[in-house]
Structures are given as structure tokens and as C-alpha cells.
Amino acid sequence: MRAGPAAVVDAVLVLAFVLIGRRTHDDPASLAGIARTAWPFAAGLAVGWAVTLLRRRRPAALVTGVTVWVATVAVGMLLRAASGQGTAPSFVVVATVVLGVFLVGWRLLARLVVRPGRAPAGRSG
């Protein structure tokens, strides 16, 4: 998988995390509210992808997922704290777990479905 599609998958999953969180807490679904919640994590995701691209890692590799995950959570929480948004310990734990499942999880699933040297499931080769 190329970097562009992998980064889009990651961005969609970070947005899903934000939307699920806002919905869970009955926050209105305004674009401004979504943007306010999402921007710290989007910035963290960008940092993770910058590191990935500089280190020339494969976009779907598990190490890429871990790099992107750690950067998304760490930078996201630092920016949330700096901007006066909440960083309660329970939120940090939930964000860490959910983003880990999302950002590393899809890569793990892809690895299980597409083995090196074999065609993806459903294709004959």
C-alpha cells in the first residue's frame, strides 16, 4: 500500500474516534466542535506520518502503525492540554486504547489477509 491511501485510512479512523467520542458525550455535531476536538489529533497524526516518511517505513507496516499511534496520542494530548481542552486520565487511557486498536489494528488485519509472496484473499494468482 502506498503512503497516500494509508494516511487517508488513518485520518478517517482518527475522525471516527472524534465522532464516536463526541456522540458518546452528547456533544452537538457542529463542524466547529468536531474541528476543535479533531485538530490536536490530526496534528499528532501528521507528526507520526512525517516521522514515518523520513524513516522510509512501509505505510502498512506494524512499526508504522505504532509510530503513527504514539505520535497521534502524545502530540494530541499535549496540544489538547496547551489549548485548554481536557486530558483527564480516563480520557488519555480511552484515547490511547481506541487509537491503538484503530491505527495498529487495520495494519494487523491487512498483514493477516495479505501474506508476503501470496495474492490477497479472493484473488488467484
Protein backbone atom coordinates (compact mmCIF):
# COMPACT_ATOMS: atom_id res chain seq x y z
CA MET A 1 0.00 0.00 0.00
CA ARG A 2 1.22 3.49 -0.80
CA ALA A 3 1.54 6.26 1.77
CA GLY A 4 -1.38 8.34 0.47
CA PRO A 5 -4.11 5.72 0.89
CA ALA A 6 -2.67 4.57 4.23
CA ALA A 7 -2.64 8.14 5.53
CA VAL A 8 -6.26 8.59 4.40
CA VAL A 9 -7.28 5.40 6.25
CA ASP A 10 -5.53 6.73 9.37
CA ALA A 11 -7.21 10.15 9.05
CA VAL A 12 -10.64 8.57 8.62
CA LEU A 13 -10.06 6.44 11.72
CA VAL A 14 -8.94 9.44 13.78
CA LEU A 15 -12.06 11.29 12.62
CA ALA A 16 -14.17 8.25 13.57
CA PHE A 17 -12.59 8.32 17.04
CA VAL A 18 -13.51 12.01 17.38
CA LEU A 19 -17.08 11.48 16.15
CA ILE A 20 -17.63 8.48 18.44
CA GLY A 21 -16.31 10.44 21.41
CA ARG A 22 -18.46 13.46 20.69
CA ARG A 23 -21.52 11.27 20.19
CA THR A 24 -20.84 9.34 23.41
CA HIS A 25 -20.75 12.59 25.37
CA ASP A 26 -23.83 14.02 23.62
CA ASP A 27 -21.86 16.90 22.16
CA PRO A 28 -23.53 18.64 19.25
CA ALA A 29 -22.27 17.54 15.84
CA SER A 30 -21.31 21.04 14.71
CA LEU A 31 -18.39 21.34 12.32
CA ALA A 32 -16.71 23.80 14.67
CA GLY A 33 -16.98 21.38 17.59
CA ILE A 34 -15.69 18.47 15.53
CA ALA A 35 -12.77 20.58 14.26
CA ARG A 36 -11.94 21.76 17.78
CA THR A 37 -11.82 18.18 19.02
CA ALA A 38 -10.04 16.76 15.97
CA TRP A 39 -7.23 19.25 15.30
CA PRO A 40 -4.85 18.15 18.09
CA PHE A 41 -5.10 14.53 16.99
CA ALA A 42 -4.81 15.47 13.32
CA ALA A 43 -1.62 17.37 14.13
CA GLY A 44 -0.29 14.35 16.01
CA LEU A 45 -1.18 12.13 13.06
CA ALA A 46 0.74 14.48 10.76
CA VAL A 47 3.79 14.28 13.03
CA GLY A 48 3.59 10.49 13.02
CA TRP A 49 3.39 10.42 9.24
CA ALA A 50 6.30 12.86 8.91
CA VAL A 51 8.45 10.56 11.05
CA THR A 52 7.30 7.56 9.02
CA LEU A 53 8.15 9.20 5.71
CA LEU A 54 11.51 10.46 6.94
CA ARG A 55 12.43 6.98 8.15
CA ARG A 56 11.15 5.48 4.87
CA ARG A 57 8.92 2.93 6.57
CA ARG A 58 6.31 0.93 4.68
CA PRO A 59 2.90 2.59 5.21
CA ALA A 60 1.10 -0.63 6.16
CA ALA A 61 3.90 -1.96 8.40
CA LEU A 62 3.09 -2.54 12.06
CA VAL A 63 6.02 -0.30 13.08
CA THR A 64 4.40 2.49 11.06
CA GLY A 65 1.13 1.93 12.89
CA VAL A 66 2.87 2.11 16.26
CA THR A 67 4.77 5.26 15.25
CA VAL A 68 1.61 6.97 13.99
CA TRP A 69 -0.36 5.82 17.04
CA VAL A 70 2.17 7.05 19.61
CA ALA A 71 2.61 10.39 17.85
CA THR A 72 -1.15 10.89 17.45
CA VAL A 73 -1.81 10.29 21.14
CA ALA A 74 1.27 12.11 22.54
CA VAL A 75 1.08 15.21 20.36
CA GLY A 76 -2.72 15.22 20.51
CA MET A 77 -2.74 15.21 24.30
CA LEU A 78 0.00 17.85 24.55
CA LEU A 79 -1.92 20.14 22.18
CA ARG A 80 -5.20 19.49 23.99
CA ALA A 81 -3.56 20.46 27.28
CA ALA A 82 -1.94 23.55 25.74
CA SER A 83 -5.26 24.66 24.25
CA GLY A 84 -7.25 24.16 27.45
CA GLN A 85 -9.05 21.01 26.33
CA GLY A 86 -9.49 18.08 28.68
CA THR A 87 -6.83 15.49 29.35
CA ALA A 88 -8.38 13.59 32.22
CA PRO A 89 -6.52 10.34 32.91
CA SER A 90 -9.54 8.26 31.88
CA PHE A 91 -9.70 10.11 28.55
CA VAL A 92 -5.99 9.54 27.95
CA VAL A 93 -6.45 5.82 28.59
CA VAL A 94 -9.50 5.55 26.33
CA ALA A 95 -7.87 7.57 23.55
CA THR A 96 -4.70 5.51 23.77
CA VAL A 97 -6.55 2.20 23.57
CA VAL A 98 -9.05 3.18 20.87
CA LEU A 99 -6.49 4.89 18.64
CA GLY A 100 -4.15 1.94 19.11
CA VAL A 101 -6.83 -0.51 18.04
CA PHE A 102 -7.68 1.70 15.05
CA LEU A 103 -4.22 2.74 13.84
CA VAL A 104 -2.36 -0.51 14.53
CA GLY A 105 -5.38 -2.77 14.15
CA TRP A 106 -6.06 -2.18 10.47
CA ARG A 107 -2.42 -2.86 9.68
CA LEU A 108 -2.54 -6.10 11.65
CA LEU A 109 -5.66 -7.16 9.79
CA ALA A 110 -4.02 -6.29 6.46
CA ARG A 111 -0.99 -8.34 7.44
CA LEU A 112 -3.19 -11.33 8.22
CA VAL A 113 -5.12 -11.01 4.95
CA VAL A 114 -2.15 -10.33 2.66
CA ARG A 115 0.85 -12.55 3.34
CA PRO A 116 4.15 -11.80 1.60
CA GLY A 117 4.53 -13.86 -1.56
CA ARG A 118 0.83 -14.68 -1.72
CA ALA A 119 -2.02 -13.00 -3.53
CA PRO A 120 -4.62 -11.23 -1.35
CA ALA A 121 -7.57 -13.35 -0.26
CA GLY A 122 -10.14 -13.72 -3.02
CA ARG A 123 -7.59 -13.46 -5.84
CA SER A 124 -5.98 -16.28 -7.69
CA GLY A 125 -2.55 -15.87 -8.91
